[in-house]
C-alpha atoms as a PDB file:
ATOM      1  CA  UNK A   1     -29.378  -9.299  -2.440  1.00  0.00           C
ATOM      2  CA  UNK A   2     -33.076  -9.507  -1.932  1.00  0.00           C
ATOM      3  CA  UNK A   3     -34.046  -5.893  -2.541  1.00  0.00           C
ATOM      4  CA  UNK A   4     -34.549  -3.551  -5.451  1.00  0.00           C
ATOM      5  CA  UNK A   5     -31.230  -1.864  -6.246  1.00  0.00           C
ATOM      6  CA  UNK A   6     -33.006   0.807  -8.291  1.00  0.00           C
ATOM      7  CA  UNK A   7     -34.855   2.223  -5.262  1.00  0.00           C
ATOM      8  CA  UNK A   8     -32.406   2.555  -2.338  1.00  0.00           C
ATOM      9  CA  UNK A   9     -34.697   5.026  -0.564  1.00  0.00           C
ATOM     10  CA  UNK A  10     -37.075   2.125   0.155  1.00  0.00           C
ATOM     11  CA  UNK A  11     -34.408   0.140   2.043  1.00  0.00           C
ATOM     12  CA  UNK A  12     -34.164  -0.164   5.792  1.00  0.00           C
ATOM     13  CA  UNK A  13     -31.404   2.055   7.259  1.00  0.00           C
ATOM     14  CA  UNK A  14     -29.184  -0.905   8.162  1.00  0.00           C
ATOM     15  CA  UNK A  15     -29.312  -2.162   4.584  1.00  0.00           C
ATOM     16  CA  UNK A  16     -28.262   1.231   3.225  1.00  0.00           C
ATOM     17  CA  UNK A  17     -25.170   1.312   5.452  1.00  0.00           C
ATOM     18  CA  UNK A  18     -24.272  -2.256   4.515  1.00  0.00           C
ATOM     19  CA  UNK A  19     -24.542  -1.556   0.782  1.00  0.00           C
ATOM     20  CA  UNK A  20     -22.676   1.769   1.125  1.00  0.00           C
ATOM     21  CA  UNK A  21     -19.869  -0.083   2.900  1.00  0.00           C
ATOM     22  CA  UNK A  22     -19.715  -2.662   0.098  1.00  0.00           C
ATOM     23  CA  UNK A  23     -19.675   0.131  -2.495  1.00  0.00           C
ATOM     24  CA  UNK A  24     -16.864   1.945  -0.645  1.00  0.00           C
ATOM     25  CA  UNK A  25     -14.832  -1.268  -0.568  1.00  0.00           C
ATOM     26  CA  UNK A  26     -15.422  -1.805  -4.298  1.00  0.00           C
ATOM     27  CA  UNK A  27     -14.341   1.759  -5.120  1.00  0.00           C
ATOM     28  CA  UNK A  28     -11.297   1.429  -2.882  1.00  0.00           C
ATOM     29  CA  UNK A  29     -10.321  -1.949  -4.365  1.00  0.00           C
ATOM     30  CA  UNK A  30     -10.663  -0.532  -7.875  1.00  0.00           C
ATOM     31  CA  UNK A  31      -8.283   2.327  -7.030  1.00  0.00           C
ATOM     32  CA  UNK A  32      -5.930  -0.118  -5.321  1.00  0.00           C
ATOM     33  CA  UNK A  33      -5.917  -2.347  -8.418  1.00  0.00           C
ATOM     34  CA  UNK A  34      -4.773   0.645 -10.474  1.00  0.00           C
ATOM     35  CA  UNK A  35      -1.981   1.326  -7.971  1.00  0.00           C
ATOM     36  CA  UNK A  36      -0.947  -2.339  -8.117  1.00  0.00           C
ATOM     37  CA  UNK A  37      -0.751  -2.131 -11.928  1.00  0.00           C
ATOM     38  CA  UNK A  38       1.461   0.967 -11.664  1.00  0.00           C
ATOM     39  CA  UNK A  39       3.720  -0.822  -9.164  1.00  0.00           C
ATOM     40  CA  UNK A  40       4.001  -3.853 -11.448  1.00  0.00           C
ATOM     41  CA  UNK A  41       4.939  -1.657 -14.415  1.00  0.00           C
ATOM     42  CA  UNK A  42       7.535   0.172 -12.335  1.00  0.00           C
ATOM     43  CA  UNK A  43       9.131  -3.103 -11.235  1.00  0.00           C
ATOM     44  CA  UNK A  44       9.182  -4.369 -14.842  1.00  0.00           C
ATOM     45  CA  UNK A  45      10.997  -1.168 -15.818  1.00  0.00           C
ATOM     46  CA  UNK A  46      13.525  -1.580 -13.023  1.00  0.00           C
ATOM     47  CA  UNK A  47      11.984   1.139 -10.858  1.00  0.00           C
ATOM     48  CA  UNK A  48      10.839   0.818  -7.255  1.00  0.00           C
ATOM     49  CA  UNK A  49       7.114   0.451  -6.548  1.00  0.00           C
ATOM     50  CA  UNK A  50       5.407   3.836  -6.328  1.00  0.00           C
ATOM     51  CA  UNK A  51       2.660   2.900  -3.866  1.00  0.00           C
ATOM     52  CA  UNK A  52       2.810   0.983  -0.576  1.00  0.00           C
ATOM     53  CA  UNK A  53       1.012  -2.346  -0.235  1.00  0.00           C
ATOM     54  CA  UNK A  54      -2.555  -1.754   0.991  1.00  0.00           C
ATOM     55  CA  UNK A  55      -3.353  -3.130   4.426  1.00  0.00           C
ATOM     56  CA  UNK A  56      -7.039  -2.176   4.522  1.00  0.00           C
ATOM     57  CA  UNK A  57      -9.085  -5.108   5.796  1.00  0.00           C
ATOM     58  CA  UNK A  58     -11.151  -6.654   2.983  1.00  0.00           C
ATOM     59  CA  UNK A  59      -9.262  -4.822   0.208  1.00  0.00           C
ATOM     60  CA  UNK A  60      -7.725  -8.017  -1.158  1.00  0.00           C
ATOM     61  CA  UNK A  61     -11.090  -9.797  -0.938  1.00  0.00           C
ATOM     62  CA  UNK A  62     -12.764  -7.104  -3.037  1.00  0.00           C
ATOM     63  CA  UNK A  63      -9.885  -6.997  -5.532  1.00  0.00           C
ATOM     64  CA  UNK A  64     -10.606 -10.686  -6.107  1.00  0.00           C
ATOM     65  CA  UNK A  65     -14.332  -9.952  -6.437  1.00  0.00           C
ATOM     66  CA  UNK A  66     -13.662  -7.212  -9.009  1.00  0.00           C
ATOM     67  CA  UNK A  67     -11.393  -9.514 -11.003  1.00  0.00           C
ATOM     68  CA  UNK A  68     -14.011 -12.280 -10.910  1.00  0.00           C
ATOM     69  CA  UNK A  69     -16.803  -9.897 -11.945  1.00  0.00           C
ATOM     70  CA  UNK A  70     -14.997  -8.946 -15.166  1.00  0.00           C
ATOM     71  CA  UNK A  71     -15.579 -12.358 -16.682  1.00  0.00           C
ATOM     72  CA  UNK A  72     -18.583 -13.677 -14.793  1.00  0.00           C
ATOM     73  CA  UNK A  73     -21.652 -14.294 -16.948  1.00  0.00           C
ATOM     74  CA  UNK A  74     -23.689 -16.215 -14.365  1.00  0.00           C
ATOM     75  CA  UNK A  75     -25.652 -13.258 -13.022  1.00  0.00           C
ATOM     76  CA  UNK A  76     -27.842 -13.946 -10.015  1.00  0.00           C
ATOM     77  CA  UNK A  77     -26.936 -17.650  -9.920  1.00  0.00           C
ATOM     78  CA  UNK A  78     -23.207 -17.006  -9.396  1.00  0.00           C
ATOM     79  CA  UNK A  79     -21.997 -18.613  -6.175  1.00  0.00           C
ATOM     80  CA  UNK A  80     -18.958 -16.318  -5.752  1.00  0.00           C
ATOM     81  CA  UNK A  81     -19.544 -14.285  -2.598  1.00  0.00           C
ATOM     82  CA  UNK A  82     -20.371 -10.632  -3.390  1.00  0.00           C
ATOM     83  CA  UNK A  83     -20.308 -11.098  -7.198  1.00  0.00           C
ATOM     84  CA  UNK A  84     -23.961 -10.543  -8.060  1.00  0.00           C
ATOM     85  CA  UNK A  85     -24.612  -7.945  -5.390  1.00  0.00           C
ATOM     86  CA  UNK A  86     -21.445  -6.065  -6.395  1.00  0.00           C
ATOM     87  CA  UNK A  87     -22.478  -6.090 -10.060  1.00  0.00           C
ATOM     88  CA  UNK A  88     -25.847  -4.626  -9.108  1.00  0.00           C
ATOM     89  CA  UNK A  89     -24.291  -1.993  -6.842  1.00  0.00           C
ATOM     90  CA  UNK A  90     -21.668  -0.932  -9.405  1.00  0.00           C
ATOM     91  CA  UNK A  91     -24.282  -0.773 -12.182  1.00  0.00           C
ATOM     92  CA  UNK A  92     -26.445   1.455 -10.002  1.00  0.00           C
ATOM     93  CA  UNK A  93     -23.462   3.640  -8.987  1.00  0.00           C
ATOM     94  CA  UNK A  94     -22.424   4.202 -12.604  1.00  0.00           C
ATOM     95  CA  UNK A  95     -25.945   5.037 -13.793  1.00  0.00           C
ATOM     96  CA  UNK A  96     -27.280   6.997 -10.789  1.00  0.00           C
ATOM     97  CA  UNK A  97     -27.949  10.667 -11.448  1.00  0.00           C
ATOM     98  CA  UNK A  98     -30.164  11.255  -8.400  1.00  0.00           C
ATOM     99  CA  UNK A  99     -28.469  13.880  -6.230  1.00  0.00           C
ATOM    100  CA  UNK A 100     -30.541  12.685  -3.250  1.00  0.00           C
ATOM    101  CA  UNK A 101     -30.011   8.935  -3.760  1.00  0.00           C
ATOM    102  CA  UNK A 102     -29.911   7.173  -0.385  1.00  0.00           C
ATOM    103  CA  UNK A 103     -27.023   5.006  -1.591  1.00  0.00           C
ATOM    104  CA  UNK A 104     -24.921   7.325  -3.736  1.00  0.00           C
ATOM    105  CA  UNK A 105     -25.324  10.925  -2.581  1.00  0.00           C
ATOM    106  CA  UNK A 106     -23.220  10.634   0.584  1.00  0.00           C
ATOM    107  CA  UNK A 107     -20.401   8.794  -1.197  1.00  0.00           C
ATOM    108  CA  UNK A 108     -20.416  11.223  -4.130  1.00  0.00           C
ATOM    109  CA  UNK A 109     -20.163  14.162  -1.724  1.00  0.00           C
ATOM    110  CA  UNK A 110     -17.172  12.486  -0.036  1.00  0.00           C
ATOM    111  CA  UNK A 111     -15.512  11.987  -3.430  1.00  0.00           C
ATOM    112  CA  UNK A 112     -16.119  15.634  -4.317  1.00  0.00           C
ATOM    113  CA  UNK A 113     -14.517  16.781  -1.051  1.00  0.00           C
ATOM    114  CA  UNK A 114     -11.479  14.555  -1.668  1.00  0.00           C
ATOM    115  CA  UNK A 115     -10.875  15.998  -5.146  1.00  0.00           C
ATOM    116  CA  UNK A 116     -10.978  19.614  -3.920  1.00  0.00           C
END
């Protein structure tokens, strides 16, 4: 990514949507990974899987990215597609406290609505 992740309000509108989409896929893939772990534990215990297999386009791709990110120490020189940008986006997401953040505010409001 060739922009400052700390100041999303300075991005062009198309960039904001692109990064929000990547963030949504990362959040989704993270939740899906947790469901996969539950399914694996159930099968090991002789129980049926609890969750259906996800068929969201790009979910598997971002599960792989998340798994790669856990051990990647290459930073901005990593050649794995989406690794460095995803690390930057996730770091921003976790640290952002700005209720009007151009990147986070819309997604946080969606999460709040889903939990109610």
